[in-house]
Structures are given as C-alpha cells and as structure tokens.
C-alpha cells in the first residue's frame, strides 16, 4: 500500500509478506567396525520441518525545509517453525529402535519488532543524517518431548550518524557511525543434537548464546577523475 500526499516526496508505504516452507529429509547411515564380530550397524534419521515467516513494514517520509527530510518507520519480523528429529537403529529383522537422546520436537518462535526514525539535511557543502532505531526481541525455545523451555527477551537502541563534506565538485569526505547486532542462527541454540550423521559426529547448540553487538566507525574519502571514481576508507569496529 502506498499513499502519496500533495507535497512532492511526502509518502506513506506499508507492505507485508508471508512465506511457508515444509522440508522433509530421510537418511540411512551404515556404520562399519573393522575387526568386530558383527561389523555393520544400520541407523536411520528423519527430519521434518515446518516454517512460517511473516514481515510487516511501514515507512513514512516527510520532506521539510529546503534540503531536509524526516523519516520514520516500523518493521516487524516473525519467524516460527517446528523441527521433528527422529533417530534410531534398524536391526536385522527391520525393526526400528528409537534413540531417545537424539529424538525430540523443537518448537521455536522469534519476534523482532523495531521502530526507527532519522533526519537528514544539507547545508551548503555539509550534509548529515542522524538516526535511531529501537528493537524489541523475544525468542521462545521449547523441546516438547523433554519438557524444556527457554525464553529470552531483550531490548536495544541502535544509533547512527552520517556526516559528509563536499570539498570540491570531484571530492568528498565522510565519517559514519552505526551500532549493529548479529543474532545466533536458530540451529546454534537448539540444546540437543540436531544434525545426526553418526555417533561420533554430533552438533549440539546452546540456548544461552547471546547476540553480538558492533560499534562501527568509518572514515572515507572519495575522488572522481573523469570516468574513474576512487574511494579510500578507514574503519574501526
């Protein structure tokens, strides 16, 4: 949805997306042991996943005085999925014996909501853009067969600032700062083996892993030479 107002550049846009994914994987694992009386065992692993993703975003742009603009918006990310892991062995008669330590149903839901605003302006050869984003995160982790649940909630502010000075028509100088976040992928927080390939090759996640935060500072110089543009950058994280 897009609403354009009378003033040029004054606009409100709203968009949403929905996606659903179903994934099934079946594996047969044959283990051989050299020198053993019975040198072969057969194992089976099954993996079912249903995932739903939702995104809702709204952006508002308001031109103000000459060469100035205010922006604000909302972004909501919702992700939920259920993973059903089944691992066991198959005897000579074809009977299936479940491995209880490697079999579980993982229920994961993630809600990340953000509101943000920024203001930018240009004064002669100097321009700037100042922004602030607030994020509220909620991560809910459950293992249904072992009655395990873990809820993590946290809120953070993310400021940003961009300054540019036009030295000449062919060269500009800029300094930028932003705070960023990187969250662990869901498979890294599942607290049981979720990628079984053999009994000596296991991957187990940790629900206590916390996001990493980065303060990024960038200093750049750009110069144009007819058809060539040269950019030099020095940054610190």
Protein backbone atom coordinates (compact mmCIF):
# COMPACT_ATOMS: atom_id res chain seq x y z
CA UNK A 1 0.00 0.00 0.00
CA UNK A 2 1.35 3.41 -0.95
CA UNK A 3 -0.18 6.80 -0.13
CA UNK A 4 1.25 9.88 -1.82
CA UNK A 5 0.36 13.25 -0.32
CA UNK A 6 0.18 16.61 -2.07
CA UNK A 7 3.73 17.62 -1.25
CA UNK A 8 6.32 16.02 -3.51
CA UNK A 9 8.21 13.28 -1.73
CA UNK A 10 5.66 13.09 1.11
CA UNK A 11 4.65 9.41 1.14
CA UNK A 12 3.50 6.55 3.37
CA UNK A 13 4.14 2.93 2.33
CA UNK A 14 3.02 -0.28 4.04
CA UNK A 15 3.98 -3.77 2.94
CA UNK A 16 3.67 -7.29 4.25
CA UNK A 17 4.91 -10.71 3.22
CA UNK A 18 4.09 -14.27 4.25
CA UNK A 19 6.07 -17.38 3.40
CA UNK A 20 5.69 -21.02 4.40
CA UNK A 21 8.15 -23.86 3.94
CA UNK A 22 7.92 -27.60 4.52
CA UNK A 23 11.08 -29.70 4.50
CA UNK A 24 11.49 -33.48 4.87
CA UNK A 25 14.76 -35.41 4.95
CA UNK A 26 15.38 -39.14 5.36
CA UNK A 27 18.82 -40.74 5.81
CA UNK A 28 20.14 -44.25 6.24
CA UNK A 29 23.52 -44.49 7.99
CA UNK A 30 25.68 -47.60 7.67
CA UNK A 31 28.46 -47.96 10.27
CA UNK A 32 31.29 -50.44 9.76
CA UNK A 33 33.70 -51.51 12.51
CA UNK A 34 36.93 -53.20 11.43
CA UNK A 35 37.79 -56.39 13.28
CA UNK A 36 34.44 -56.68 15.07
CA UNK A 37 32.42 -59.90 15.06
CA UNK A 38 29.41 -58.01 13.79
CA UNK A 39 30.98 -55.29 11.73
CA UNK A 40 27.92 -53.44 10.41
CA UNK A 41 25.09 -51.49 12.05
CA UNK A 42 22.36 -49.55 10.30
CA UNK A 43 20.85 -46.34 11.66
CA UNK A 44 18.03 -44.14 10.40
CA UNK A 45 17.40 -40.42 10.82
CA UNK A 46 14.29 -38.47 9.87
CA UNK A 47 13.89 -34.71 9.84
CA UNK A 48 10.63 -32.81 9.39
CA UNK A 49 10.41 -29.02 9.47
CA UNK A 50 7.52 -26.62 9.04
CA UNK A 51 8.39 -22.93 8.98
CA UNK A 52 6.30 -19.77 8.73
CA UNK A 53 7.71 -16.29 8.23
CA UNK A 54 5.83 -13.00 8.47
CA UNK A 55 7.04 -9.49 7.75
CA UNK A 56 5.17 -6.21 8.26
CA UNK A 57 6.83 -2.89 7.44
CA UNK A 58 5.65 0.72 7.31
CA UNK A 59 7.71 3.73 6.18
CA UNK A 60 6.82 7.42 6.34
CA UNK A 61 8.79 10.15 4.54
CA UNK A 62 8.19 13.87 5.16
CA UNK A 63 10.23 16.50 3.25
CA UNK A 64 10.66 19.59 5.41
CA UNK A 65 12.63 22.74 4.73
CA UNK A 66 14.92 23.03 1.73
CA UNK A 67 17.24 20.01 1.53
CA UNK A 68 15.83 18.49 4.77
CA UNK A 69 13.83 15.31 5.29
CA UNK A 70 12.34 13.34 8.18
CA UNK A 71 11.69 9.60 8.03
CA UNK A 72 10.09 7.15 10.44
CA UNK A 73 9.02 3.55 10.27
CA UNK A 74 8.12 0.23 11.82
CA UNK A 75 9.36 -3.27 10.97
CA UNK A 76 8.10 -6.49 12.49
CA UNK A 77 9.76 -9.85 11.78
CA UNK A 78 8.03 -13.00 12.97
CA UNK A 79 9.50 -16.46 12.48
CA UNK A 80 8.14 -19.72 13.82
CA UNK A 81 8.99 -23.31 13.00
CA UNK A 82 8.74 -26.83 14.36
CA UNK A 83 11.54 -29.37 13.84
CA UNK A 84 10.79 -33.05 14.41
CA UNK A 85 14.01 -35.08 14.71
CA UNK A 86 13.88 -38.88 14.83
CA UNK A 87 16.99 -41.03 15.12
CA UNK A 88 17.25 -44.76 15.77
CA UNK A 89 18.74 -48.08 14.71
CA UNK A 90 17.40 -50.85 12.47
CA UNK A 91 18.06 -54.47 13.48
CA UNK A 92 18.42 -57.49 11.20
CA UNK A 93 14.66 -58.03 11.24
CA UNK A 94 13.97 -54.46 10.10
CA UNK A 95 12.68 -53.30 13.48
CA UNK A 96 13.23 -49.66 14.35
CA UNK A 97 14.60 -48.77 17.82
CA UNK A 98 14.46 -45.09 18.73
CA UNK A 99 17.42 -43.24 20.27
CA UNK A 100 15.71 -41.16 22.94
CA UNK A 101 18.78 -38.92 23.43
CA UNK A 102 18.66 -37.88 19.78
CA UNK A 103 14.90 -37.73 19.20
CA UNK A 104 12.86 -34.65 20.01
CA UNK A 105 10.49 -31.99 18.70
CA UNK A 106 11.89 -28.47 18.66
CA UNK A 107 9.40 -25.60 18.76
CA UNK A 108 10.94 -22.20 18.02
CA UNK A 109 9.33 -18.78 17.72
CA UNK A 110 11.03 -15.44 17.18
CA UNK A 111 9.55 -11.96 17.27
CA UNK A 112 11.68 -8.92 16.46
CA UNK A 113 9.92 -5.57 16.33
CA UNK A 114 11.60 -2.28 15.56
CA UNK A 115 10.65 1.39 15.32
CA UNK A 116 13.04 3.89 13.82
CA UNK A 117 13.39 7.47 12.70
CA UNK A 118 16.02 9.60 11.02
CA UNK A 119 16.51 13.20 10.00
CA UNK A 120 18.81 14.49 7.30
CA UNK A 121 19.72 17.89 5.94
CA UNK A 122 22.21 19.61 3.67
CA UNK A 123 23.74 22.99 4.47
CA UNK A 124 25.91 24.32 1.69
CA UNK A 125 28.68 21.73 1.27
CA UNK A 126 27.91 19.92 4.50
CA UNK A 127 25.24 17.20 4.87
CA UNK A 128 24.27 14.92 7.71
CA UNK A 129 21.88 12.10 8.56
CA UNK A 130 21.04 11.20 12.17
CA UNK A 131 19.04 8.11 13.07
CA UNK A 132 17.84 5.99 15.97
CA UNK A 133 16.31 2.51 15.95
CA UNK A 134 14.73 0.68 18.87
CA UNK A 135 14.38 -3.11 18.71
CA UNK A 136 12.43 -5.41 20.99
CA UNK A 137 13.31 -9.12 20.67
CA UNK A 138 11.58 -12.20 22.03
CA UNK A 139 13.00 -15.70 21.44
CA UNK A 140 10.99 -18.68 22.71
CA UNK A 141 12.65 -22.13 22.59
CA UNK A 142 10.93 -25.41 23.53
CA UNK A 143 11.75 -29.12 23.42
CA UNK A 144 8.37 -30.79 23.55
CA UNK A 145 9.39 -34.38 24.37
CA UNK A 146 11.63 -33.43 27.29
CA UNK A 147 9.55 -30.54 28.61
CA UNK A 148 12.34 -27.98 28.17
CA UNK A 149 11.57 -24.32 27.59
CA UNK A 150 13.71 -21.21 27.43
CA UNK A 151 12.52 -17.64 26.93
CA UNK A 152 14.85 -14.76 26.16
CA UNK A 153 13.74 -11.13 25.90
CA UNK A 154 15.89 -8.08 25.33
CA UNK A 155 15.53 -4.53 24.02
CA UNK A 156 18.22 -2.33 22.49
CA UNK A 157 18.77 1.10 20.96
CA UNK A 158 20.83 1.46 17.77
CA UNK A 159 22.02 5.00 16.94
CA UNK A 160 23.58 6.02 13.64
CA UNK A 161 25.20 9.20 12.32
CA UNK A 162 26.50 10.04 8.83
CA UNK A 163 28.39 13.26 8.02
CA UNK A 164 29.61 14.29 4.57
CA UNK A 165 31.58 17.32 3.43
CA UNK A 166 31.98 18.15 -0.25
CA UNK A 167 35.50 19.53 -0.61
CA UNK A 168 35.19 20.15 -4.34
CA UNK A 169 32.81 19.00 -7.06
CA UNK A 170 35.08 15.99 -7.57
CA UNK A 171 35.92 15.02 -3.97
CA UNK A 172 34.02 14.39 -0.73
CA UNK A 173 34.97 13.48 2.81
CA UNK A 174 32.71 11.46 5.12
CA UNK A 175 32.63 9.96 8.60
CA UNK A 176 29.97 7.47 9.64
CA UNK A 177 28.97 5.64 12.83
CA UNK A 178 26.41 2.88 13.44
CA UNK A 179 25.63 0.28 16.08
CA UNK A 180 24.72 -3.19 14.80
CA UNK A 181 23.52 -6.55 16.11
CA UNK A 182 24.09 -10.11 14.92
CA UNK A 183 21.87 -12.83 16.41
CA UNK A 184 22.84 -16.53 16.54
CA UNK A 185 21.13 -18.74 13.97
CA UNK A 186 18.41 -20.96 15.38
CA UNK A 187 20.37 -24.22 14.91
CA UNK A 188 23.10 -22.84 17.18
CA UNK A 189 20.69 -22.57 20.13
CA UNK A 190 18.94 -25.96 19.85
CA UNK A 191 20.19 -27.77 23.02
CA UNK A 192 20.31 -31.28 21.59
CA UNK A 193 21.98 -32.97 18.58
CA UNK A 194 20.06 -31.66 15.57
CA UNK A 195 22.27 -32.83 12.72
CA UNK A 196 22.94 -36.52 13.35
CA UNK A 197 25.27 -38.10 10.78
CA UNK A 198 26.98 -40.69 13.03
CA UNK A 199 27.52 -41.40 16.72
CA UNK A 200 30.97 -39.76 16.58
CA UNK A 201 29.91 -36.65 14.64
CA UNK A 202 27.46 -34.62 16.70
CA UNK A 203 26.41 -30.96 16.71
CA UNK A 204 24.67 -29.54 19.81
CA UNK A 205 23.52 -25.94 20.20
CA UNK A 206 23.47 -23.76 23.31
CA UNK A 207 20.35 -21.68 24.18
CA UNK A 208 22.47 -19.34 26.33
CA UNK A 209 24.32 -17.87 23.35
CA UNK A 210 23.70 -14.13 23.29
CA UNK A 211 23.76 -11.75 20.29
CA UNK A 212 26.92 -9.88 19.39
CA UNK A 213 26.95 -6.08 19.14
CA UNK A 214 29.25 -3.98 16.99
CA UNK A 215 30.13 -0.29 17.04
CA UNK A 216 31.25 0.56 13.52
CA UNK A 217 33.15 3.77 12.72
CA UNK A 218 34.08 4.55 9.11
CA UNK A 219 36.15 7.39 7.65
CA UNK A 220 36.12 7.72 3.84
CA UNK A 221 37.43 9.92 1.06
CA UNK A 222 36.04 9.82 -2.47
CA UNK A 223 37.52 11.45 -5.56
CA UNK A 224 36.32 11.46 -9.17
CA UNK A 225 38.63 11.57 -12.19
CA UNK A 226 36.55 11.87 -15.37
CA UNK A 227 35.30 8.27 -15.81
CA UNK A 228 37.04 6.85 -12.73
CA UNK A 229 35.95 7.09 -9.09
CA UNK A 230 38.43 6.32 -6.31
CA UNK A 231 37.23 5.63 -2.76
CA UNK A 232 39.57 5.23 0.21
CA UNK A 233 38.17 4.04 3.51
CA UNK A 234 39.49 3.57 7.04
CA UNK A 235 37.20 1.82 9.51
CA UNK A 236 37.22 0.59 13.08
CA UNK A 237 34.82 -1.96 14.61
